[in-house]
């Protein structure tokens, strides 16, 4: 039986997804909700699955630059709202599939091109990646390596109550 730690960076177009199998990063994807559902069902057939998700709904405000005009601020707000709704849809699907998930505070770790080398050194990943995939890999890494005190202090885990 395998143990899968799945990192998820929610997005309105395609979610960044990282799959750790028994602690090792094995897959990086950009998947829409239905593709993610199919992948999780596939993983459940060969092991236990736990999803580690960036909590974009934990951000209560939308900040904008002082010189940002109203139109640009409106677009920023709309894009953030889409990501928040995407997270809600992922969580509904996880609850339906009876897959536990853990929220993590939003983080920019491993997203930038500058931190790509650190991501590759820590995970051993040799393939291509983009910022959403690396972000998902960060959250999956936290889940696959549960010893971090910071992680324990900032995460919130959800499991569906058995009736």
Protein backbone atom coordinates (compact mmCIF):
# COMPACT_ATOMS: atom_id res chain seq x y z
CA UNK A 1 0.00 0.00 0.00
CA UNK A 2 1.40 3.38 -1.01
CA UNK A 3 1.15 6.67 0.84
CA UNK A 4 0.42 9.69 -1.38
CA UNK A 5 0.96 13.26 -0.28
CA UNK A 6 -0.64 15.51 -2.90
CA UNK A 7 0.19 19.21 -2.97
CA UNK A 8 -2.38 21.57 -4.49
CA UNK A 9 -2.06 25.22 -5.54
CA UNK A 10 -5.68 26.14 -6.43
CA UNK A 11 -6.25 28.19 -9.57
CA UNK A 12 -9.27 29.05 -11.68
CA UNK A 13 -7.81 27.60 -14.91
CA UNK A 14 -5.72 24.64 -13.78
CA UNK A 15 -4.54 23.64 -10.33
CA UNK A 16 -0.85 23.11 -9.70
CA UNK A 17 -0.57 19.50 -8.50
CA UNK A 18 2.42 17.66 -7.03
CA UNK A 19 2.33 13.98 -6.11
CA UNK A 20 4.69 12.49 -3.55
CA UNK A 21 4.62 8.70 -3.47
CA UNK A 22 6.00 7.32 -0.20
CA UNK A 23 7.84 10.61 0.39
CA UNK A 24 9.39 11.03 -3.08
CA UNK A 25 8.18 13.59 -5.63
CA UNK A 26 7.03 11.54 -8.64
CA UNK A 27 4.66 13.78 -10.61
CA UNK A 28 3.96 17.46 -11.33
CA UNK A 29 0.84 18.55 -13.21
CA UNK A 30 -1.48 21.41 -14.07
CA UNK A 31 -4.94 19.82 -13.89
CA UNK A 32 -8.50 21.08 -14.08
CA UNK A 33 -10.98 19.88 -11.46
CA UNK A 34 -12.18 16.83 -13.41
CA UNK A 35 -8.63 15.74 -14.27
CA UNK A 36 -7.69 16.12 -10.60
CA UNK A 37 -10.66 14.01 -9.56
CA UNK A 38 -9.65 11.25 -12.01
CA UNK A 39 -6.04 11.34 -10.75
CA UNK A 40 -7.11 11.11 -7.09
CA UNK A 41 -9.44 8.19 -7.79
CA UNK A 42 -6.53 6.46 -9.55
CA UNK A 43 -4.22 7.06 -6.57
CA UNK A 44 -6.82 5.82 -4.05
CA UNK A 45 -6.83 2.45 -5.83
CA UNK A 46 -3.20 1.84 -4.81
CA UNK A 47 -2.89 3.59 -1.46
CA UNK A 48 -3.89 6.28 0.99
CA UNK A 49 -4.17 9.87 -0.18
CA UNK A 50 -3.93 13.14 1.75
CA UNK A 51 -4.12 16.51 -0.02
CA UNK A 52 -2.13 19.50 1.22
CA UNK A 53 -3.67 22.69 -0.13
CA UNK A 54 -2.72 26.35 -0.14
CA UNK A 55 -5.44 28.17 1.79
CA UNK A 56 -6.19 31.11 -0.50
CA UNK A 57 -9.47 31.55 1.38
CA UNK A 58 -7.41 32.37 4.46
CA UNK A 59 -6.48 35.70 2.87
CA UNK A 60 -9.31 38.01 3.86
CA UNK A 61 -8.30 41.16 1.97
CA UNK A 62 -7.11 42.05 -1.51
CA UNK A 63 -4.17 44.43 -1.41
CA UNK A 64 -3.25 46.68 -4.29
CA UNK A 65 -0.52 49.13 -5.16
CA UNK A 66 -1.02 52.82 -4.49
CA UNK A 67 -0.68 53.67 -8.17
CA UNK A 68 -2.99 50.86 -9.29
CA UNK A 69 -6.10 52.28 -10.96
CA UNK A 70 -9.63 51.14 -10.14
CA UNK A 71 -9.88 48.94 -13.23
CA UNK A 72 -6.65 47.09 -12.39
CA UNK A 73 -7.72 46.74 -8.74
CA UNK A 74 -11.07 45.35 -9.91
CA UNK A 75 -9.32 42.75 -12.08
CA UNK A 76 -7.03 41.76 -9.20
CA UNK A 77 -10.06 41.32 -6.93
CA UNK A 78 -11.85 39.26 -9.57
CA UNK A 79 -8.84 36.97 -10.10
CA UNK A 80 -8.44 36.41 -6.35
CA UNK A 81 -12.15 35.59 -6.08
CA UNK A 82 -11.80 32.99 -8.86
CA UNK A 83 -8.94 31.30 -7.01
CA UNK A 84 -10.94 31.28 -3.78
CA UNK A 85 -13.89 29.65 -5.56
CA UNK A 86 -11.54 27.12 -7.15
CA UNK A 87 -10.32 26.13 -3.68
CA UNK A 88 -13.92 25.68 -2.51
CA UNK A 89 -14.66 23.40 -5.48
CA UNK A 90 -11.53 21.30 -4.83
CA UNK A 91 -12.52 20.89 -1.17
CA UNK A 92 -16.08 19.85 -2.10
CA UNK A 93 -14.66 17.23 -4.44
CA UNK A 94 -12.23 15.97 -1.76
CA UNK A 95 -15.08 15.63 0.73
CA UNK A 96 -17.14 13.72 -1.84
CA UNK A 97 -14.20 11.36 -2.48
CA UNK A 98 -13.62 11.03 1.30
CA UNK A 99 -10.03 12.30 0.98
CA UNK A 100 -8.64 14.23 3.96
CA UNK A 101 -6.95 17.55 3.33
CA UNK A 102 -4.85 20.06 5.20
CA UNK A 103 -4.79 23.84 4.73
CA UNK A 104 -1.53 25.77 4.77
CA UNK A 105 -1.10 29.54 4.83
CA UNK A 106 -0.36 31.05 1.42
CA UNK A 107 3.35 31.01 0.65
CA UNK A 108 5.65 32.15 -2.12
CA UNK A 109 8.18 29.39 -1.37
CA UNK A 110 9.51 27.69 -4.52
CA UNK A 111 7.30 29.86 -6.80
CA UNK A 112 9.95 32.17 -8.21
CA UNK A 113 12.48 31.31 -10.87
CA UNK A 114 15.19 32.23 -8.34
CA UNK A 115 14.00 29.54 -5.89
CA UNK A 116 13.72 26.87 -8.61
CA UNK A 117 17.23 25.55 -7.82
CA UNK A 118 16.30 25.12 -4.15
CA UNK A 119 13.15 23.24 -5.18
CA UNK A 120 15.20 20.93 -7.42
CA UNK A 121 17.85 20.32 -4.73
CA UNK A 122 15.30 19.53 -2.01
CA UNK A 123 13.00 17.32 -4.11
CA UNK A 124 15.46 15.86 -6.61
CA UNK A 125 13.11 16.91 -9.44
CA UNK A 126 14.82 16.97 -12.86
CA UNK A 127 11.85 17.64 -15.15
CA UNK A 128 10.17 20.85 -16.19
CA UNK A 129 8.16 22.94 -13.74
CA UNK A 130 6.30 26.23 -13.50
CA UNK A 131 5.48 28.39 -10.49
CA UNK A 132 2.11 26.71 -9.82
CA UNK A 133 3.63 23.22 -9.93
CA UNK A 134 6.52 24.25 -7.67
CA UNK A 135 4.10 25.87 -5.24
CA UNK A 136 2.06 22.66 -5.12
CA UNK A 137 5.31 20.73 -4.60
CA UNK A 138 6.06 22.92 -1.57
CA UNK A 139 2.73 22.08 0.11
CA UNK A 140 3.04 18.40 -0.79
CA UNK A 141 6.57 18.44 0.63
CA UNK A 142 5.26 19.81 3.93
CA UNK A 143 2.73 17.00 4.05
CA UNK A 144 5.25 14.32 3.11
CA UNK A 145 7.65 15.60 5.78
CA UNK A 146 5.33 16.15 8.74
CA UNK A 147 8.07 16.80 11.30
CA UNK A 148 8.23 20.56 10.75
CA UNK A 149 7.19 22.48 13.89
CA UNK A 150 6.15 25.44 11.73
CA UNK A 151 3.87 23.19 9.75
CA UNK A 152 2.23 21.83 12.89
CA UNK A 153 1.68 25.34 14.20
CA UNK A 154 0.04 26.70 11.04
CA UNK A 155 -1.91 23.87 9.43
CA UNK A 156 -5.57 22.97 9.75
CA UNK A 157 -6.60 19.41 8.84
CA UNK A 158 -10.09 18.43 7.73
CA UNK A 159 -11.48 14.93 7.73
CA UNK A 160 -15.01 14.01 6.89
CA UNK A 161 -16.93 12.81 9.92
CA UNK A 162 -18.08 9.21 9.65
CA UNK A 163 -21.85 8.89 9.97
